[in-house]
């Protein structure tokens, strides 16, 4: 992508259609779980905010996609993430090994809980 996207739709529309479809699936799942999210671009990535805080980020790169639910969620659910490459803040996945909807929902619920408890 040449220029920086100014919206989540602009970011997604510039992607390979298969990556776009997968990230749109995640976007829809998160917004279904947490209907009052706001969409923005933060750090150059599509971001869904909840209560004025980043709930999740997601991005695509050449060889994989990444989902950023929070370090707390990754730590709490690390046993469910054994089959994925993770960093403190992200989970990398591919079209061949996507993130199951239930796992995404669990990650999002953990982060919502932490935001609701005002964890910083």
PDB file of N, CA and C in Angstrom:
ATOM      1  N   UNK A   1       0.849  -1.167   0.000  1.00  0.00           N
ATOM      2  CA  UNK A   1       0.000   0.000   0.000  1.00  0.00           C
ATOM      3  C   UNK A   1       0.892   1.225   0.000  1.00  0.00           C
ATOM      4  N   UNK A   2       0.726   2.115  -0.954  1.00  0.00           N
ATOM      5  CA  UNK A   2       1.565   3.298  -1.073  1.00  0.00           C
ATOM      6  C   UNK A   2       1.286   4.327  -0.004  1.00  0.00           C
ATOM      7  N   UNK A   3       0.145   4.969  -0.088  1.00  0.00           N
ATOM      8  CA  UNK A   3      -0.209   5.995   0.893  1.00  0.00           C
ATOM      9  C   UNK A   3      -0.857   5.359   2.110  1.00  0.00           C
ATOM     10  N   UNK A   4      -0.757   6.058   3.233  1.00  0.00           N
ATOM     11  CA  UNK A   4      -1.381   5.578   4.457  1.00  0.00           C
ATOM     12  C   UNK A   4      -2.901   5.675   4.339  1.00  0.00           C
ATOM     13  N   UNK A   5      -3.573   4.617   4.735  1.00  0.00           N
ATOM     14  CA  UNK A   5      -5.035   4.601   4.709  1.00  0.00           C
ATOM     15  C   UNK A   5      -5.576   5.569   5.744  1.00  0.00           C
ATOM     16  N   UNK A   6      -6.678   6.205   5.394  1.00  0.00           N
ATOM     17  CA  UNK A   6      -7.321   7.153   6.305  1.00  0.00           C
ATOM     18  C   UNK A   6      -8.538   6.542   6.998  1.00  0.00           C
ATOM     19  N   UNK A   7      -8.947   5.352   6.557  1.00  0.00           N
ATOM     20  CA  UNK A   7     -10.085   4.671   7.178  1.00  0.00           C
ATOM     21  C   UNK A   7      -9.854   3.166   7.109  1.00  0.00           C
ATOM     22  N   UNK A   8     -10.617   2.448   7.910  1.00  0.00           N
ATOM     23  CA  UNK A   8     -10.513   0.987   7.896  1.00  0.00           C
ATOM     24  C   UNK A   8     -10.919   0.452   6.524  1.00  0.00           C
ATOM     25  N   UNK A   9     -11.983   0.987   5.947  1.00  0.00           N
ATOM     26  CA  UNK A   9     -12.400   0.536   4.612  1.00  0.00           C
ATOM     27  C   UNK A   9     -11.312   0.779   3.582  1.00  0.00           C
ATOM     28  N   UNK A  10     -10.675   1.940   3.632  1.00  0.00           N
ATOM     29  CA  UNK A  10      -9.605   2.252   2.684  1.00  0.00           C
ATOM     30  C   UNK A  10      -8.450   1.261   2.841  1.00  0.00           C
ATOM     31  N   UNK A  11      -8.091   0.948   4.074  1.00  0.00           N
ATOM     32  CA  UNK A  11      -7.024  -0.025   4.344  1.00  0.00           C
ATOM     33  C   UNK A  11      -7.401  -1.387   3.749  1.00  0.00           C
ATOM     34  N   UNK A  12      -8.590  -1.862   4.071  1.00  0.00           N
ATOM     35  CA  UNK A  12      -9.019  -3.184   3.622  1.00  0.00           C
ATOM     36  C   UNK A  12      -9.163  -3.260   2.108  1.00  0.00           C
ATOM     37  N   UNK A  13      -9.656  -2.199   1.489  1.00  0.00           N
ATOM     38  CA  UNK A  13      -9.848  -2.195   0.041  1.00  0.00           C
ATOM     39  C   UNK A  13      -8.541  -2.281  -0.732  1.00  0.00           C
ATOM     40  N   UNK A  14      -7.431  -1.943  -0.102  1.00  0.00           N
ATOM     41  CA  UNK A  14      -6.133  -1.986  -0.772  1.00  0.00           C
ATOM     42  C   UNK A  14      -5.460  -3.359  -0.666  1.00  0.00           C
ATOM     43  N   UNK A  15      -6.069  -4.276   0.074  1.00  0.00           N
ATOM     44  CA  UNK A  15      -5.453  -5.584   0.303  1.00  0.00           C
ATOM     45  C   UNK A  15      -5.800  -6.592  -0.776  1.00  0.00           C
ATOM     46  N   UNK A  16      -4.997  -7.648  -0.839  1.00  0.00           N
ATOM     47  CA  UNK A  16      -5.321  -8.830  -1.617  1.00  0.00           C
ATOM     48  C   UNK A  16      -6.707  -9.305  -1.172  1.00  0.00           C
ATOM     49  N   UNK A  17      -7.578  -9.680  -2.104  1.00  0.00           N
ATOM     50  CA  UNK A  17      -8.950 -10.043  -1.735  1.00  0.00           C
ATOM     51  C   UNK A  17      -9.064 -11.135  -0.664  1.00  0.00           C
ATOM     52  N   UNK A  18      -8.172 -12.109  -0.665  1.00  0.00           N
ATOM     53  CA  UNK A  18      -8.244 -13.179   0.338  1.00  0.00           C
ATOM     54  C   UNK A  18      -7.906 -12.635   1.730  1.00  0.00           C
ATOM     55  N   UNK A  19      -6.871 -11.804   1.829  1.00  0.00           N
ATOM     56  CA  UNK A  19      -6.533 -11.183   3.110  1.00  0.00           C
ATOM     57  C   UNK A  19      -7.661 -10.254   3.554  1.00  0.00           C
ATOM     58  N   UNK A  20      -8.190  -9.507   2.602  1.00  0.00           N
ATOM     59  CA  UNK A  20      -9.285  -8.582   2.928  1.00  0.00           C
ATOM     60  C   UNK A  20     -10.472  -9.346   3.518  1.00  0.00           C
ATOM     61  N   UNK A  21     -10.838 -10.445   2.897  1.00  0.00           N
ATOM     62  CA  UNK A  21     -11.980 -11.227   3.374  1.00  0.00           C
ATOM     63  C   UNK A  21     -11.740 -11.733   4.791  1.00  0.00           C
ATOM     64  N   UNK A  22     -10.539 -12.188   5.071  1.00  0.00           N
ATOM     65  CA  UNK A  22     -10.243 -12.702   6.417  1.00  0.00           C
ATOM     66  C   UNK A  22     -10.267 -11.587   7.458  1.00  0.00           C
ATOM     67  N   UNK A  23      -9.686 -10.447   7.140  1.00  0.00           N
ATOM     68  CA  UNK A  23      -9.700  -9.335   8.104  1.00  0.00           C
ATOM     69  C   UNK A  23     -11.106  -8.760   8.263  1.00  0.00           C
ATOM     70  N   UNK A  24     -11.896  -8.781   7.203  1.00  0.00           N
ATOM     71  CA  UNK A  24     -13.293  -8.343   7.327  1.00  0.00           C
ATOM     72  C   UNK A  24     -14.090  -9.309   8.207  1.00  0.00           C
ATOM     73  N   UNK A  25     -13.751 -10.590   8.163  1.00  0.00           N
ATOM     74  CA  UNK A  25     -14.391 -11.570   9.048  1.00  0.00           C
ATOM     75  C   UNK A  25     -14.094 -11.219  10.509  1.00  0.00           C
ATOM     76  N   UNK A  26     -12.836 -10.919  10.800  1.00  0.00           N
ATOM     77  CA  UNK A  26     -12.465 -10.545  12.170  1.00  0.00           C
ATOM     78  C   UNK A  26     -13.158  -9.253  12.592  1.00  0.00           C
ATOM     79  N   UNK A  27     -13.168  -8.298  11.700  1.00  0.00           N
ATOM     80  CA  UNK A  27     -13.834  -7.013  11.983  1.00  0.00           C
ATOM     81  C   UNK A  27     -15.301  -7.228  12.322  1.00  0.00           C
ATOM     82  N   UNK A  28     -15.979  -8.034  11.525  1.00  0.00           N
ATOM     83  CA  UNK A  28     -17.402  -8.296  11.747  1.00  0.00           C
ATOM     84  C   UNK A  28     -17.626  -9.042  13.059  1.00  0.00           C
ATOM     85  N   UNK A  29     -16.771  -9.994  13.349  1.00  0.00           N
ATOM     86  CA  UNK A  29     -16.906 -10.756  14.585  1.00  0.00           C
ATOM     87  C   UNK A  29     -16.749  -9.850  15.803  1.00  0.00           C
ATOM     88  N   UNK A  30     -15.715  -9.021  15.788  1.00  0.00           N
ATOM     89  CA  UNK A  30     -15.487  -8.127  16.926  1.00  0.00           C
ATOM     90  C   UNK A  30     -16.636  -7.139  17.081  1.00  0.00           C
ATOM     91  N   UNK A  31     -17.104  -6.565  15.990  1.00  0.00           N
ATOM     92  CA  UNK A  31     -18.192  -5.590  16.103  1.00  0.00           C
ATOM     93  C   UNK A  31     -19.515  -6.261  16.481  1.00  0.00           C
ATOM     94  N   UNK A  32     -19.665  -7.533  16.164  1.00  0.00           N
ATOM     95  CA  UNK A  32     -20.851  -8.273  16.614  1.00  0.00           C
ATOM     96  C   UNK A  32     -20.775  -8.507  18.121  1.00  0.00           C
ATOM     97  N   UNK A  33     -19.594  -8.853  18.615  1.00  0.00           N
ATOM     98  CA  UNK A  33     -19.409  -9.094  20.052  1.00  0.00           C
ATOM     99  C   UNK A  33     -19.504  -7.808  20.863  1.00  0.00           C
ATOM    100  N   UNK A  34     -18.969  -6.723  20.298  1.00  0.00           N
ATOM    101  CA  UNK A  34     -18.928  -5.433  20.995  1.00  0.00           C
ATOM    102  C   UNK A  34     -19.487  -4.381  20.031  1.00  0.00           C
ATOM    103  N   UNK A  35     -20.810  -4.266  19.972  1.00  0.00           N
ATOM    104  CA  UNK A  35     -21.449  -3.401  18.967  1.00  0.00           C
ATOM    105  C   UNK A  35     -21.079  -1.922  19.070  1.00  0.00           C
ATOM    106  N   UNK A  36     -20.698  -1.455  20.232  1.00  0.00           N
ATOM    107  CA  UNK A  36     -20.420  -0.021  20.366  1.00  0.00           C
ATOM    108  C   UNK A  36     -18.943   0.306  20.172  1.00  0.00           C
ATOM    109  N   UNK A  37     -18.279  -0.417  19.257  1.00  0.00           N
ATOM    110  CA  UNK A  37     -16.903  -0.064  18.929  1.00  0.00           C
ATOM    111  C   UNK A  37     -16.891   1.093  17.935  1.00  0.00           C
ATOM    112  N   UNK A  38     -15.780   1.799  17.922  1.00  0.00           N
ATOM    113  CA  UNK A  38     -15.542   2.858  16.940  1.00  0.00           C
ATOM    114  C   UNK A  38     -14.355   2.432  16.091  1.00  0.00           C
ATOM    115  N   UNK A  39     -14.428   2.695  14.801  1.00  0.00           N
ATOM    116  CA  UNK A  39     -13.335   2.347  13.899  1.00  0.00           C
ATOM    117  C   UNK A  39     -12.435   3.544  13.662  1.00  0.00           C
ATOM    118  N   UNK A  40     -11.149   3.275  13.621  1.00  0.00           N
ATOM    119  CA  UNK A  40     -10.171   4.311  13.315  1.00  0.00           C
ATOM    120  C   UNK A  40      -8.915   3.637  12.778  1.00  0.00           C
ATOM    121  N   UNK A  41      -7.990   4.444  12.334  1.00  0.00           N
ATOM    122  CA  UNK A  41      -6.654   3.960  11.981  1.00  0.00           C
ATOM    123  C   UNK A  41      -5.714   4.491  13.060  1.00  0.00           C
ATOM    124  N   UNK A  42      -4.979   3.591  13.664  1.00  0.00           N
ATOM    125  CA  UNK A  42      -4.018   3.982  14.701  1.00  0.00           C
ATOM    126  C   UNK A  42      -2.728   3.217  14.449  1.00  0.00           C
ATOM    127  N   UNK A  43      -1.608   3.896  14.511  1.00  0.00           N
ATOM    128  CA  UNK A  43      -0.308   3.286  14.192  1.00  0.00           C
ATOM    129  C   UNK A  43      -0.323   2.671  12.795  1.00  0.00           C
ATOM    130  N   UNK A  44      -1.127   3.240  11.893  1.00  0.00           N
ATOM    131  CA  UNK A  44      -1.208   2.742  10.527  1.00  0.00           C
ATOM    132  C   UNK A  44      -2.026   1.471  10.366  1.00  0.00           C
ATOM    133  N   UNK A  45      -2.704   1.039  11.444  1.00  0.00           N
ATOM    134  CA  UNK A  45      -3.465  -0.213  11.412  1.00  0.00           C
ATOM    135  C   UNK A  45      -4.946   0.039  11.678  1.00  0.00           C
ATOM    136  N   UNK A  46      -5.808  -0.756  11.060  1.00  0.00           N
ATOM    137  CA  UNK A  46      -7.219  -0.695  11.433  1.00  0.00           C
ATOM    138  C   UNK A  46      -7.359  -0.995  12.921  1.00  0.00           C
ATOM    139  N   UNK A  47      -8.149  -0.182  13.590  1.00  0.00           N
ATOM    140  CA  UNK A  47      -8.300  -0.282  15.032  1.00  0.00           C
ATOM    141  C   UNK A  47      -9.775  -0.187  15.390  1.00  0.00           C
ATOM    142  N   UNK A  48     -10.204  -1.056  16.284  1.00  0.00           N
ATOM    143  CA  UNK A  48     -11.551  -0.972  16.830  1.00  0.00           C
ATOM    144  C   UNK A  48     -11.400  -0.530  18.277  1.00  0.00           C
ATOM    145  N   UNK A  49     -12.017   0.597  18.598  1.00  0.00           N
ATOM    146  CA  UNK A  49     -11.911   1.158  19.941  1.00  0.00           C
ATOM    147  C   UNK A  49     -13.183   0.883  20.732  1.00  0.00           C
ATOM    148  N   UNK A  50     -12.999   0.716  22.030  1.00  0.00           N
ATOM    149  CA  UNK A  50     -14.101   0.492  22.948  1.00  0.00           C
ATOM    150  C   UNK A  50     -13.864   1.390  24.159  1.00  0.00           C
ATOM    151  N   UNK A  51     -14.860   2.188  24.483  1.00  0.00           N
ATOM    152  CA  UNK A  51     -14.756   3.136  25.595  1.00  0.00           C
ATOM    153  C   UNK A  51     -13.504   4.025  25.457  1.00  0.00           C
ATOM    154  N   UNK A  52     -13.273   4.487  24.232  1.00  0.00           N
ATOM    155  CA  UNK A  52     -12.145   5.368  23.907  1.00  0.00           C
ATOM    156  C   UNK A  52     -10.774   4.723  24.080  1.00  0.00           C
ATOM    157  N   UNK A  53     -10.722   3.414  24.116  1.00  0.00           N
ATOM    158  CA  UNK A  53      -9.442   2.698  24.203  1.00  0.00           C
ATOM    159  C   UNK A  53      -9.373   1.669  23.080  1.00  0.00           C
ATOM    160  N   UNK A  54      -8.188   1.417  22.585  1.00  0.00           N
ATOM    161  CA  UNK A  54      -8.022   0.410  21.534  1.00  0.00           C
ATOM    162  C   UNK A  54      -8.427  -0.956  22.079  1.00  0.00           C
ATOM    163  N   UNK A  55      -9.361  -1.587  21.410  1.00  0.00           N
ATOM    164  CA  UNK A  55      -9.786  -2.936  21.788  1.00  0.00           C
ATOM    165  C   UNK A  55      -8.967  -3.958  21.003  1.00  0.00           C
ATOM    166  N   UNK A  56      -8.917  -3.799  19.689  1.00  0.00           N
ATOM    167  CA  UNK A  56      -8.091  -4.664  18.834  1.00  0.00           C
ATOM    168  C   UNK A  56      -7.556  -3.851  17.660  1.00  0.00           C
ATOM    169  N   UNK A  57      -6.413  -4.285  17.188  1.00  0.00           N
ATOM    170  CA  UNK A  57      -5.845  -3.830  15.925  1.00  0.00           C
ATOM    171  C   UNK A  57      -5.733  -5.078  15.061  1.00  0.00           C
ATOM    172  N   UNK A  58      -5.712  -4.895  13.738  1.00  0.00           N
ATOM    173  CA  UNK A  58      -5.453  -6.021  12.855  1.00  0.00           C
ATOM    174  C   UNK A  58      -4.758  -5.500  11.608  1.00  0.00           C
ATOM    175  N   UNK A  59      -3.892  -6.321  11.020  1.00  0.00           N
ATOM    176  CA  UNK A  59      -3.146  -5.886   9.851  1.00  0.00           C
ATOM    177  C   UNK A  59      -2.772  -7.066   8.960  1.00  0.00           C
ATOM    178  N   UNK A  60      -2.369  -6.743   7.776  1.00  0.00           N
ATOM    179  CA  UNK A  60      -1.885  -7.752   6.831  1.00  0.00           C
ATOM    180  C   UNK A  60      -0.493  -7.352   6.372  1.00  0.00           C
ATOM    181  N   UNK A  61       0.371  -8.336   6.250  1.00  0.00           N
ATOM    182  CA  UNK A  61       1.685  -8.117   5.658  1.00  0.00           C
ATOM    183  C   UNK A  61       1.855  -9.144   4.541  1.00  0.00           C
ATOM    184  N   UNK A  62       3.032  -9.212   3.980  1.00  0.00           N
ATOM    185  CA  UNK A  62       3.228 -10.048   2.797  1.00  0.00           C
ATOM    186  C   UNK A  62       2.929 -11.531   3.045  1.00  0.00           C
ATOM    187  N   UNK A  63       3.393 -12.063   4.188  1.00  0.00           N
ATOM    188  CA  UNK A  63       3.296 -13.502   4.419  1.00  0.00           C
ATOM    189  C   UNK A  63       2.324 -13.919   5.519  1.00  0.00           C
ATOM    190  N   UNK A  64       1.780 -12.971   6.242  1.00  0.00           N
ATOM    191  CA  UNK A  64       0.861 -13.317   7.321  1.00  0.00           C
ATOM    192  C   UNK A  64      -0.022 -12.118   7.674  1.00  0.00           C
ATOM    193  N   UNK A  65      -0.958 -12.370   8.560  1.00  0.00           N
ATOM    194  CA  UNK A  65      -1.784 -11.301   9.133  1.00  0.00           C
ATOM    195  C   UNK A  65      -1.531 -11.298  10.632  1.00  0.00           C
ATOM    196  N   UNK A  66      -1.870 -10.185  11.273  1.00  0.00           N
ATOM    197  CA  UNK A  66      -1.678 -10.086  12.712  1.00  0.00           C
ATOM    198  C   UNK A  66      -2.930  -9.532  13.368  1.00  0.00           C
ATOM    199  N   UNK A  67      -3.173 -10.013  14.580  1.00  0.00           N
ATOM    200  CA  UNK A  67      -4.305  -9.589  15.398  1.00  0.00           C
ATOM    201  C   UNK A  67      -3.729  -9.170  16.739  1.00  0.00           C
ATOM    202  N   UNK A  68      -4.101  -7.986  17.193  1.00  0.00           N
ATOM    203  CA  UNK A  68      -3.567  -7.413  18.421  1.00  0.00           C
ATOM    204  C   UNK A  68      -4.717  -7.218  19.424  1.00  0.00           C
ATOM    205  N   UNK A  69      -4.983  -8.210  20.282  1.00  0.00           N
ATOM    206  CA  UNK A  69      -6.111  -8.095  21.211  1.00  0.00           C
ATOM    207  C   UNK A  69      -5.743  -7.461  22.547  1.00  0.00           C
ATOM    208  N   UNK A  70      -4.532  -7.521  22.982  1.00  0.00           N
ATOM    209  CA  UNK A  70      -3.940  -6.938  24.190  1.00  0.00           C
ATOM    210  C   UNK A  70      -2.977  -7.965  24.769  1.00  0.00           C
ATOM    211  N   UNK A  71      -1.960  -7.489  25.410  1.00  0.00           N
ATOM    212  CA  UNK A  71      -1.001  -8.411  26.024  1.00  0.00           C
ATOM    213  C   UNK A  71      -1.677  -9.225  27.124  1.00  0.00           C
ATOM    214  N   UNK A  72      -2.668  -8.632  27.804  1.00  0.00           N
ATOM    215  CA  UNK A  72      -3.373  -9.355  28.875  1.00  0.00           C
ATOM    216  C   UNK A  72      -4.118 -10.553  28.311  1.00  0.00           C
ATOM    217  N   UNK A  73      -4.813 -10.357  27.196  1.00  0.00           N
ATOM    218  CA  UNK A  73      -5.570 -11.441  26.580  1.00  0.00           C
ATOM    219  C   UNK A  73      -4.633 -12.534  26.071  1.00  0.00           C
ATOM    220  N   UNK A  74      -3.535 -12.140  25.455  1.00  0.00           N
ATOM    221  CA  UNK A  74      -2.571 -13.121  24.949  1.00  0.00           C
ATOM    222  C   UNK A  74      -2.007 -13.934  26.104  1.00  0.00           C
ATOM    223  N   UNK A  75      -1.646 -13.281  27.177  1.00  0.00           N
ATOM    224  CA  UNK A  75      -1.094 -13.981  28.344  1.00  0.00           C
ATOM    225  C   UNK A  75      -2.138 -14.930  28.953  1.00  0.00           C
ATOM    226  N   UNK A  76      -3.340 -14.440  29.133  1.00  0.00           N
ATOM    227  CA  UNK A  76      -4.377 -15.256  29.766  1.00  0.00           C
ATOM    228  C   UNK A  76      -4.749 -16.483  28.937  1.00  0.00           C
ATOM    229  N   UNK A  77      -4.720 -16.353  27.632  1.00  0.00           N
ATOM    230  CA  UNK A  77      -5.148 -17.445  26.756  1.00  0.00           C
ATOM    231  C   UNK A  77      -3.981 -18.105  26.016  1.00  0.00           C
ATOM    232  N   UNK A  78      -2.788 -17.978  26.564  1.00  0.00           N
ATOM    233  CA  UNK A  78      -1.595 -18.486  25.870  1.00  0.00           C
ATOM    234  C   UNK A  78      -1.683 -19.976  25.551  1.00  0.00           C
ATOM    235  N   UNK A  79      -2.371 -20.753  26.385  1.00  0.00           N
ATOM    236  CA  UNK A  79      -2.513 -22.183  26.102  1.00  0.00           C
ATOM    237  C   UNK A  79      -3.297 -22.436  24.819  1.00  0.00           C
ATOM    238  N   UNK A  80      -4.231 -21.562  24.496  1.00  0.00           N
ATOM    239  CA  UNK A  80      -5.018 -21.699  23.268  1.00  0.00           C
ATOM    240  C   UNK A  80      -4.274 -21.163  22.044  1.00  0.00           C
ATOM    241  N   UNK A  81      -3.154 -20.497  22.275  1.00  0.00           N
ATOM    242  CA  UNK A  81      -2.406 -19.860  21.184  1.00  0.00           C
ATOM    243  C   UNK A  81      -1.121 -20.607  20.826  1.00  0.00           C
ATOM    244  N   UNK A  82      -0.950 -21.801  21.340  1.00  0.00           N
ATOM    245  CA  UNK A  82       0.290 -22.560  21.133  1.00  0.00           C
ATOM    246  C   UNK A  82       0.613 -22.793  19.664  1.00  0.00           C
ATOM    247  N   UNK A  83      -0.411 -22.880  18.823  1.00  0.00           N
ATOM    248  CA  UNK A  83      -0.195 -23.175  17.407  1.00  0.00           C
ATOM    249  C   UNK A  83       0.070 -21.941  16.559  1.00  0.00           C
ATOM    250  N   UNK A  84       0.195 -20.781  17.192  1.00  0.00           N
ATOM    251  CA  UNK A  84       0.402 -19.524  16.483  1.00  0.00           C
ATOM    252  C   UNK A  84       1.677 -18.857  16.975  1.00  0.00           C
ATOM    253  N   UNK A  85       2.290 -18.100  16.086  1.00  0.00           N
ATOM    254  CA  UNK A  85       3.423 -17.276  16.497  1.00  0.00           C
ATOM    255  C   UNK A  85       2.846 -16.053  17.214  1.00  0.00           C
ATOM    256  N   UNK A  86       3.337 -15.799  18.416  1.00  0.00           N
ATOM    257  CA  UNK A  86       2.857 -14.652  19.176  1.00  0.00           C
ATOM    258  C   UNK A  86       4.024 -13.796  19.632  1.00  0.00           C
ATOM    259  N   UNK A  87       3.723 -12.535  19.859  1.00  0.00           N
ATOM    260  CA  UNK A  87       4.634 -11.626  20.546  1.00  0.00           C
ATOM    261  C   UNK A  87       3.874 -11.168  21.779  1.00  0.00           C
ATOM    262  N   UNK A  88       4.421 -10.264  22.528  1.00  0.00           N
ATOM    263  CA  UNK A  88       3.712  -9.774  23.701  1.00  0.00           C
ATOM    264  C   UNK A  88       2.358  -9.177  23.337  1.00  0.00           C
ATOM    265  N   UNK A  89       2.282  -8.546  22.151  1.00  0.00           N
ATOM    266  CA  UNK A  89       1.068  -7.820  21.783  1.00  0.00           C
ATOM    267  C   UNK A  89       0.312  -8.389  20.592  1.00  0.00           C
ATOM    268  N   UNK A  90       0.893  -9.331  19.851  1.00  0.00           N
ATOM    269  CA  UNK A  90       0.232  -9.764  18.613  1.00  0.00           C
ATOM    270  C   UNK A  90       0.217 -11.274  18.442  1.00  0.00           C
ATOM    271  N   UNK A  91      -0.694 -11.686  17.589  1.00  0.00           N
ATOM    272  CA  UNK A  91      -0.827 -13.079  17.180  1.00  0.00           C
ATOM    273  C   UNK A  91      -0.740 -13.083  15.661  1.00  0.00           C
ATOM    274  N   UNK A  92       0.188 -13.848  15.122  1.00  0.00           N
ATOM    275  CA  UNK A  92       0.325 -13.937  13.671  1.00  0.00           C
ATOM    276  C   UNK A  92      -0.404 -15.188  13.176  1.00  0.00           C
ATOM    277  N   UNK A  93      -1.064 -15.043  12.035  1.00  0.00           N
ATOM    278  CA  UNK A  93      -1.793 -16.158  11.454  1.00  0.00           C
ATOM    279  C   UNK A  93      -1.774 -16.025   9.939  1.00  0.00           C
ATOM    280  N   UNK A  94      -2.169 -17.097   9.271  1.00  0.00           N
ATOM    281  CA  UNK A  94      -2.160 -17.127   7.810  1.00  0.00           C
ATOM    282  C   UNK A  94      -3.537 -17.553   7.304  1.00  0.00           C
ATOM    283  N   UNK A  95      -3.710 -17.498   6.014  1.00  0.00           N
ATOM    284  CA  UNK A  95      -4.958 -17.971   5.412  1.00  0.00           C
ATOM    285  C   UNK A  95      -5.110 -19.480   5.598  1.00  0.00           C
ATOM    286  N   UNK A  96      -3.988 -20.184   5.663  1.00  0.00           N
ATOM    287  CA  UNK A  96      -4.027 -21.627   5.869  1.00  0.00           C
ATOM    288  C   UNK A  96      -4.359 -21.972   7.312  1.00  0.00           C
ATOM    289  N   UNK A  97      -4.022 -21.098   8.237  1.00  0.00           N
ATOM    290  CA  UNK A  97      -4.273 -21.328   9.668  1.00  0.00           C
ATOM    291  C   UNK A  97      -4.818 -20.034  10.263  1.00  0.00           C
ATOM    292  N   UNK A  98      -6.107 -19.820  10.056  1.00  0.00           N
ATOM    293  CA  UNK A  98      -6.762 -18.609  10.551  1.00  0.00           C
ATOM    294  C   UNK A  98      -7.067 -18.739  12.042  1.00  0.00           C
ATOM    295  N   UNK A  99      -7.481 -17.639  12.632  1.00  0.00           N
ATOM    296  CA  UNK A  99      -7.891 -17.654  14.035  1.00  0.00           C
ATOM    297  C   UNK A  99      -9.351 -18.092  14.115  1.00  0.00           C
ATOM    298  N   UNK A 100      -9.644 -19.145  14.868  1.00  0.00           N
ATOM    299  CA  UNK A 100     -11.035 -19.577  14.996  1.00  0.00           C
ATOM    300  C   UNK A 100     -11.890 -18.487  15.652  1.00  0.00           C
ATOM    301  N   UNK A 101     -13.133 -18.400  15.236  1.00  0.00           N
ATOM    302  CA  UNK A 101     -14.040 -17.377  15.766  1.00  0.00           C
ATOM    303  C   UNK A 101     -14.148 -17.452  17.287  1.00  0.00           C
ATOM    304  N   UNK A 102     -14.209 -18.652  17.823  1.00  0.00           N
ATOM    305  CA  UNK A 102     -14.325 -18.795  19.281  1.00  0.00           C
ATOM    306  C   UNK A 102     -13.100 -18.232  19.993  1.00  0.00           C
ATOM    307  N   UNK A 103     -11.919 -18.455  19.450  1.00  0.00           N
ATOM    308  CA  UNK A 103     -10.698 -17.927  20.046  1.00  0.00           C
ATOM    309  C   UNK A 103     -10.688 -16.397  19.981  1.00  0.00           C
ATOM    310  N   UNK A 104     -11.070 -15.848  18.846  1.00  0.00           N
ATOM    311  CA  UNK A 104     -11.151 -14.390  18.708  1.00  0.00           C
ATOM    312  C   UNK A 104     -12.129 -13.841  19.744  1.00  0.00           C
ATOM    313  N   UNK A 105     -13.277 -14.485  19.875  1.00  0.00           N
ATOM    314  CA  UNK A 105     -14.275 -14.032  20.851  1.00  0.00           C
ATOM    315  C   UNK A 105     -13.718 -14.083  22.266  1.00  0.00           C
ATOM    316  N   UNK A 106     -13.008 -15.141  22.604  1.00  0.00           N
ATOM    317  CA  UNK A 106     -12.416 -15.239  23.940  1.00  0.00           C
ATOM    318  C   UNK A 106     -11.402 -14.128  24.180  1.00  0.00           C
ATOM    319  N   UNK A 107     -10.555 -13.865  23.186  1.00  0.00           N
ATOM    320  CA  UNK A 107      -9.548 -12.799  23.310  1.00  0.00           C
ATOM    321  C   UNK A 107     -10.217 -11.441  23.498  1.00  0.00           C
ATOM    322  N   UNK A 108     -11.238 -11.186  22.720  1.00  0.00           N
ATOM    323  CA  UNK A 108     -11.950  -9.907  22.801  1.00  0.00           C
ATOM    324  C   UNK A 108     -12.638  -9.766  24.156  1.00  0.00           C
ATOM    325  N   UNK A 109     -13.260 -10.825  24.622  1.00  0.00           N
ATOM    326  CA  UNK A 109     -13.949 -10.762  25.917  1.00  0.00           C
ATOM    327  C   UNK A 109     -12.976 -10.468  27.064  1.00  0.00           C
ATOM    328  N   UNK A 110     -11.804 -11.065  27.010  1.00  0.00           N
ATOM    329  CA  UNK A 110     -10.797 -10.775  28.043  1.00  0.00           C
ATOM    330  C   UNK A 110     -10.445  -9.295  28.020  1.00  0.00           C
ATOM    331  N   UNK A 111     -10.207  -8.760  26.831  1.00  0.00           N
ATOM    332  CA  UNK A 111      -9.813  -7.356  26.767  1.00  0.00           C
ATOM    333  C   UNK A 111     -10.951  -6.424  27.172  1.00  0.00           C
ATOM    334  N   UNK A 112     -12.168  -6.731  26.785  1.00  0.00           N
ATOM    335  CA  UNK A 112     -13.320  -5.930  27.222  1.00  0.00           C
ATOM    336  C   UNK A 112     -13.391  -5.928  28.749  1.00  0.00           C
ATOM    337  N   UNK A 113     -13.238  -7.098  29.339  1.00  0.00           N
ATOM    338  CA  UNK A 113     -13.263  -7.198  30.803  1.00  0.00           C
ATOM    339  C   UNK A 113     -12.194  -6.301  31.437  1.00  0.00           C
ATOM    340  N   UNK A 114     -11.008  -6.313  30.866  1.00  0.00           N
ATOM    341  CA  UNK A 114      -9.915  -5.511  31.414  1.00  0.00           C
ATOM    342  C   UNK A 114     -10.177  -4.010  31.227  1.00  0.00           C
ATOM    343  N   UNK A 115     -10.712  -3.629  30.091  1.00  0.00           N
ATOM    344  CA  UNK A 115     -11.055  -2.213  29.870  1.00  0.00           C
ATOM    345  C   UNK A 115     -12.170  -1.799  30.840  1.00  0.00           C
ATOM    346  N   UNK A 116     -13.178  -2.655  30.984  1.00  0.00           N
ATOM    347  CA  UNK A 116     -14.274  -2.350  31.900  1.00  0.00           C
ATOM    348  C   UNK A 116     -13.813  -2.191  33.343  1.00  0.00           C
ATOM    349  N   UNK A 117     -12.761  -2.923  33.712  1.00  0.00           N
ATOM    350  CA  UNK A 117     -12.233  -2.797  35.073  1.00  0.00           C
ATOM    351  C   UNK A 117     -11.205  -1.671  35.191  1.00  0.00           C
ATOM    352  N   UNK A 118     -11.040  -0.947  34.077  1.00  0.00           N
ATOM    353  CA  UNK A 118     -10.134   0.216  34.012  1.00  0.00           C
ATOM    354  C   UNK A 118      -8.664  -0.164  34.203  1.00  0.00           C
ATOM    355  N   UNK A 119      -8.311  -1.372  33.800  1.00  0.00           N
ATOM    356  CA  UNK A 119      -6.908  -1.775  33.871  1.00  0.00           C
ATOM    357  C   UNK A 119      -6.089  -0.917  32.921  1.00  0.00           C
ATOM    358  N   UNK A 120      -4.955  -0.471  33.383  1.00  0.00           N
ATOM    359  CA  UNK A 120      -4.087   0.384  32.564  1.00  0.00           C
ATOM    360  C   UNK A 120      -2.826  -0.317  32.131  1.00  0.00           C
TER     361      UNK A 120
END
